[in-house]
């Protein structure tokens, strides 16, 4: 399907879920500018896009920095003439309680995971308004609803995304800009691999993934492509009456309680 023909998107994050969403939108005919801070991941995505003849341009960007975000938005509009979709998938995942987390780590987590969403809205929404609307998707997490121990900064940042999503949806509904969030469960990404190494340093990554998967009623962890399909729906005109919501793609993780 070419449901995104003549649409232009900015996607933050060039690994894991962000990468899958960028490719899914591009495969649907969208012109995508993907931006991330990791140069090797950026290069890999650019080569993959070229090999598959996707309209996907990769930009180096620290999404916590206003000038760099402003530059990406300006370059996107200068190159493609418009901006219709923003997907905020860039994130970092520090570990630690509030006592264990140093202030610099806390501030960096908030700047990347939450501040970047503000910056893309701040610079991107005026461009969307010129085209009478658009769609913004913010990647949250099940840890924004309920969390494990030792992830104070990450969980706080993801919970705040839900509130910011609702605020943006209400503030810009009259501009025909829809704003939603997605809360994935355990997804096979480099970030989850790092979590596996942290919580099970003496076990193999696959063994930890199996253990994480067993906590989900569907009995497995998810894939970035499964999240990307939900993102594609929410970004499309098919979701034209969806705004201000959070959508779970968590294998049923939050459907139950921890009592057998």
Protein backbone atom coordinates (compact mmCIF):
# COMPACT_ATOMS: atom_id res chain seq x y z
CA UNK A 1 0.00 0.00 0.00
CA UNK A 2 1.13 3.56 -0.72
CA UNK A 3 -1.07 5.17 1.91
CA UNK A 4 1.52 7.84 2.65
CA UNK A 5 2.08 9.05 -0.90
CA UNK A 6 2.95 12.76 -0.94
CA UNK A 7 3.37 12.82 2.85
CA UNK A 8 6.53 13.90 4.66
CA UNK A 9 7.62 12.64 8.06
CA UNK A 10 10.32 13.20 10.65
CA UNK A 11 11.15 10.15 12.76
CA UNK A 12 13.55 10.40 15.71
CA UNK A 13 15.62 7.38 16.65
CA UNK A 14 17.45 5.28 14.07
CA UNK A 15 17.65 2.00 15.99
CA UNK A 16 14.96 -0.42 17.10
CA UNK A 17 11.42 0.91 16.94
CA UNK A 18 12.35 4.25 15.36
CA UNK A 19 14.17 2.48 12.53
CA UNK A 20 11.23 0.12 11.91
CA UNK A 21 8.73 2.99 11.82
CA UNK A 22 10.89 5.06 9.47
CA UNK A 23 11.13 2.13 7.05
CA UNK A 24 7.42 1.32 7.34
CA UNK A 25 6.38 4.88 6.53
CA UNK A 26 8.85 5.08 3.64
CA UNK A 27 7.61 1.77 2.24
CA UNK A 28 4.13 3.30 2.24
CA UNK A 29 5.27 6.13 -0.02
CA UNK A 30 6.23 8.68 2.63
CA UNK A 31 9.31 10.85 2.30
CA UNK A 32 11.03 10.33 5.65
CA UNK A 33 13.77 12.24 7.44
CA UNK A 34 15.09 9.98 10.20
CA UNK A 35 17.40 11.48 12.78
CA UNK A 36 19.53 9.93 15.48
CA UNK A 37 22.69 10.50 17.46
CA UNK A 38 24.42 7.17 16.79
CA UNK A 39 26.53 7.55 13.63
CA UNK A 40 26.91 3.80 12.89
CA UNK A 41 23.15 3.25 13.19
CA UNK A 42 22.49 6.28 11.00
CA UNK A 43 24.84 4.98 8.32
CA UNK A 44 23.33 1.49 8.43
CA UNK A 45 19.81 2.86 8.03
CA UNK A 46 20.84 5.13 5.15
CA UNK A 47 22.47 2.22 3.30
CA UNK A 48 19.44 0.01 3.91
CA UNK A 49 17.12 2.72 2.60
CA UNK A 50 19.23 3.14 -0.54
CA UNK A 51 19.35 -0.61 -1.13
CA UNK A 52 15.55 -0.77 -0.93
CA UNK A 53 15.01 2.43 -2.92
CA UNK A 54 13.15 4.13 -0.08
CA UNK A 55 12.70 7.89 0.11
CA UNK A 56 14.48 8.08 3.44
CA UNK A 57 17.10 10.65 4.40
CA UNK A 58 19.08 10.14 7.60
CA UNK A 59 20.36 13.11 9.60
CA UNK A 60 22.74 13.22 12.55
CA UNK A 61 20.93 14.93 15.40
CA UNK A 62 20.96 15.15 19.18
CA UNK A 63 17.23 15.56 19.67
CA UNK A 64 17.71 17.15 23.09
CA UNK A 65 19.35 20.20 21.49
CA UNK A 66 16.99 22.96 20.24
CA UNK A 67 19.26 24.22 17.47
CA UNK A 68 19.74 20.74 16.04
CA UNK A 69 16.02 19.97 16.09
CA UNK A 70 15.23 23.32 14.50
CA UNK A 71 17.76 22.53 11.78
CA UNK A 72 16.23 19.12 11.03
CA UNK A 73 12.74 20.61 10.72
CA UNK A 74 14.02 23.41 8.48
CA UNK A 75 15.94 20.98 6.26
CA UNK A 76 12.93 18.69 5.99
CA UNK A 77 10.68 21.51 4.82
CA UNK A 78 13.36 22.94 2.50
CA UNK A 79 13.88 19.51 0.91
CA UNK A 80 10.31 18.26 0.65
CA UNK A 81 8.19 21.40 0.99
CA UNK A 82 6.04 20.25 3.89
CA UNK A 83 5.77 18.30 7.16
CA UNK A 84 2.83 15.98 7.82
CA UNK A 85 3.97 13.40 10.38
CA UNK A 86 6.25 13.46 13.40
CA UNK A 87 7.22 10.27 15.21
CA UNK A 88 9.14 10.70 18.46
CA UNK A 89 10.88 7.39 19.11
CA UNK A 90 14.32 8.48 20.35
CA UNK A 91 14.97 7.50 23.95
CA UNK A 92 17.61 6.48 26.46
CA UNK A 93 17.12 4.06 29.34
CA UNK A 94 19.24 4.73 32.42
CA UNK A 95 18.92 2.37 35.37
CA UNK A 96 18.77 3.25 39.04
CA UNK A 97 16.57 4.42 41.87
CA UNK A 98 16.21 8.13 42.62
CA UNK A 99 19.07 7.80 45.11
CA UNK A 100 21.31 5.94 42.66
CA UNK A 101 20.59 8.23 39.70
CA UNK A 102 22.81 11.30 39.56
CA UNK A 103 21.23 14.64 38.58
CA UNK A 104 23.04 14.82 35.23
CA UNK A 105 21.68 11.41 34.23
CA UNK A 106 18.17 12.41 35.31
CA UNK A 107 18.32 15.64 33.33
CA UNK A 108 19.71 13.91 30.24
CA UNK A 109 16.94 11.30 30.34
CA UNK A 110 14.26 13.97 30.59
CA UNK A 111 15.86 16.03 27.82
CA UNK A 112 16.03 13.13 25.37
CA UNK A 113 12.87 11.20 26.20
CA UNK A 114 10.53 14.10 26.95
CA UNK A 115 12.22 17.34 25.93
CA UNK A 116 12.71 16.15 22.37
CA UNK A 117 8.96 15.69 22.00
CA UNK A 118 8.43 19.28 23.11
CA UNK A 119 11.10 20.51 20.68
CA UNK A 120 9.65 18.65 17.70
CA UNK A 121 6.23 20.05 18.56
CA UNK A 122 7.60 23.55 19.09
CA UNK A 123 9.34 23.68 15.73
CA UNK A 124 7.21 21.21 13.79
CA UNK A 125 3.63 22.19 14.56
CA UNK A 126 3.88 25.61 12.87
CA UNK A 127 4.88 23.79 9.67
CA UNK A 128 2.01 21.33 10.02
CA UNK A 129 -0.44 24.19 10.46
CA UNK A 130 0.63 25.56 7.09
CA UNK A 131 -0.72 22.33 5.56
CA UNK A 132 -3.90 22.29 7.65
CA UNK A 133 -2.94 19.45 9.94
CA UNK A 134 -0.88 16.39 10.58
CA UNK A 135 -0.20 13.55 12.97
CA UNK A 136 2.25 13.27 15.88
CA UNK A 137 3.12 9.96 17.52
CA UNK A 138 5.03 9.74 20.78
CA UNK A 139 6.64 6.47 21.82
CA UNK A 140 6.01 5.89 25.50
CA UNK A 141 6.22 2.52 27.26
CA UNK A 142 4.29 0.19 29.52
CA UNK A 143 6.70 1.56 32.12
CA UNK A 144 4.81 4.82 31.88
CA UNK A 145 1.80 2.94 33.31
CA UNK A 146 3.43 0.46 35.70
CA UNK A 147 7.14 -0.08 36.18
CA UNK A 148 9.76 -2.41 37.52
CA UNK A 149 12.20 -1.44 40.24
CA UNK A 150 15.29 0.57 39.50
CA UNK A 151 14.15 2.63 36.50
CA UNK A 152 13.08 5.88 38.19
CA UNK A 153 14.19 8.32 35.48
CA UNK A 154 13.03 6.25 32.54
CA UNK A 155 9.61 5.48 34.05
CA UNK A 156 9.07 9.12 35.01
CA UNK A 157 9.93 10.31 31.50
CA UNK A 158 7.57 7.80 29.89
CA UNK A 159 4.71 8.65 32.24
CA UNK A 160 5.14 12.33 31.43
CA UNK A 161 4.80 11.56 27.73
CA UNK A 162 1.18 10.59 28.30
CA UNK A 163 0.38 13.97 29.84
CA UNK A 164 2.23 15.89 27.13
CA UNK A 165 0.44 13.87 24.46
CA UNK A 166 -2.96 14.80 25.90
CA UNK A 167 -1.95 18.47 26.20
CA UNK A 168 -0.75 18.64 22.60
CA UNK A 169 -3.87 16.84 21.37
CA UNK A 170 -6.16 19.30 23.09
CA UNK A 171 -4.17 22.40 22.20
CA UNK A 172 -3.97 21.57 18.51
CA UNK A 173 -7.18 19.72 17.72
CA UNK A 174 -8.54 22.88 16.09
CA UNK A 175 -5.43 22.87 13.88
CA UNK A 176 -6.38 19.36 12.66
CA UNK A 177 -3.25 17.93 14.25
CA UNK A 178 -3.80 14.56 15.88
CA UNK A 179 -1.46 13.53 18.71
CA UNK A 180 -1.28 10.01 20.15
CA UNK A 181 1.16 7.85 22.06
CA UNK A 182 2.11 4.19 21.82
CA UNK A 183 3.16 2.11 24.83
CA UNK A 184 5.08 -1.00 23.83
CA UNK A 185 5.89 -3.88 26.12
CA UNK A 186 9.14 -5.80 25.73
CA UNK A 187 10.30 -5.38 22.13
CA UNK A 188 13.35 -6.98 20.53
CA UNK A 189 15.57 -3.90 20.26
CA UNK A 190 19.11 -2.88 21.21
CA UNK A 191 17.60 -1.08 24.21
CA UNK A 192 16.00 -4.31 25.45
CA UNK A 193 19.30 -6.12 24.94
CA UNK A 194 20.99 -3.57 27.20
CA UNK A 195 18.24 -4.08 29.78
CA UNK A 196 18.83 -7.82 29.58
CA UNK A 197 22.54 -7.32 30.22
CA UNK A 198 21.72 -5.12 33.22
CA UNK A 199 19.11 -7.34 34.86
CA UNK A 200 20.70 -10.69 33.97
CA UNK A 201 24.44 -10.18 33.52
CA UNK A 202 25.14 -13.90 34.03
CA UNK A 203 22.55 -15.09 31.49
CA UNK A 204 22.51 -14.98 27.71
CA UNK A 205 20.50 -12.25 26.02
CA UNK A 206 18.16 -14.82 24.47
CA UNK A 207 17.56 -16.45 27.86
CA UNK A 208 16.58 -13.08 29.32
CA UNK A 209 14.38 -12.34 26.30
CA UNK A 210 12.58 -15.64 26.90
CA UNK A 211 12.08 -14.72 30.54
CA UNK A 212 10.79 -11.26 29.60
CA UNK A 213 8.51 -12.85 27.02
CA UNK A 214 7.08 -15.30 29.54
CA UNK A 215 5.76 -12.35 31.55
CA UNK A 216 3.55 -11.37 28.60
CA UNK A 217 0.32 -13.38 28.17
CA UNK A 218 1.17 -14.00 24.51
CA UNK A 219 4.30 -15.72 25.74
CA UNK A 220 6.94 -13.80 23.80
CA UNK A 221 8.50 -10.40 23.30
CA UNK A 222 7.36 -8.27 20.37
CA UNK A 223 9.13 -7.03 17.27
CA UNK A 224 9.80 -3.47 16.14
CA UNK A 225 7.81 -4.20 13.00
CA UNK A 226 4.69 -4.98 15.06
CA UNK A 227 4.97 -1.58 16.73
CA UNK A 228 5.57 0.03 13.34
CA UNK A 229 2.30 -1.35 11.98
CA UNK A 230 0.37 0.29 14.81
CA UNK A 231 2.29 3.51 14.23
CA UNK A 232 1.46 3.41 10.52
CA UNK A 233 -2.24 3.05 11.31
CA UNK A 234 -2.24 5.94 13.78
CA UNK A 235 -0.32 8.16 11.36
CA UNK A 236 -2.70 7.38 8.51
CA UNK A 237 -6.05 8.88 7.58
CA UNK A 238 -7.69 5.64 8.75
CA UNK A 239 -7.14 6.88 12.31
CA UNK A 240 -8.69 10.25 11.57
CA UNK A 241 -10.85 10.24 14.72
CA UNK A 242 -8.04 9.14 17.06
CA UNK A 243 -6.32 11.81 19.12
CA UNK A 244 -5.18 12.19 22.71
CA UNK A 245 -4.98 8.44 23.23
CA UNK A 246 -2.38 5.92 24.31
CA UNK A 247 -2.28 2.60 22.48
CA UNK A 248 -0.77 -0.54 23.98
CA UNK A 249 1.24 -3.02 21.96
CA UNK A 250 2.32 -5.14 24.89
CA UNK A 251 1.27 -8.73 24.30
CA UNK A 252 -1.35 -8.38 27.04
CA UNK A 253 1.18 -7.45 29.71
CA UNK A 254 -0.95 -4.79 31.38
CA UNK A 255 -4.20 -6.73 31.04
CA UNK A 256 -3.61 -8.82 34.15
CA UNK A 257 -2.39 -8.59 37.71
CA UNK A 258 0.49 -10.47 39.27
CA UNK A 259 -1.67 -13.00 41.11
CA UNK A 260 -2.10 -16.58 39.90
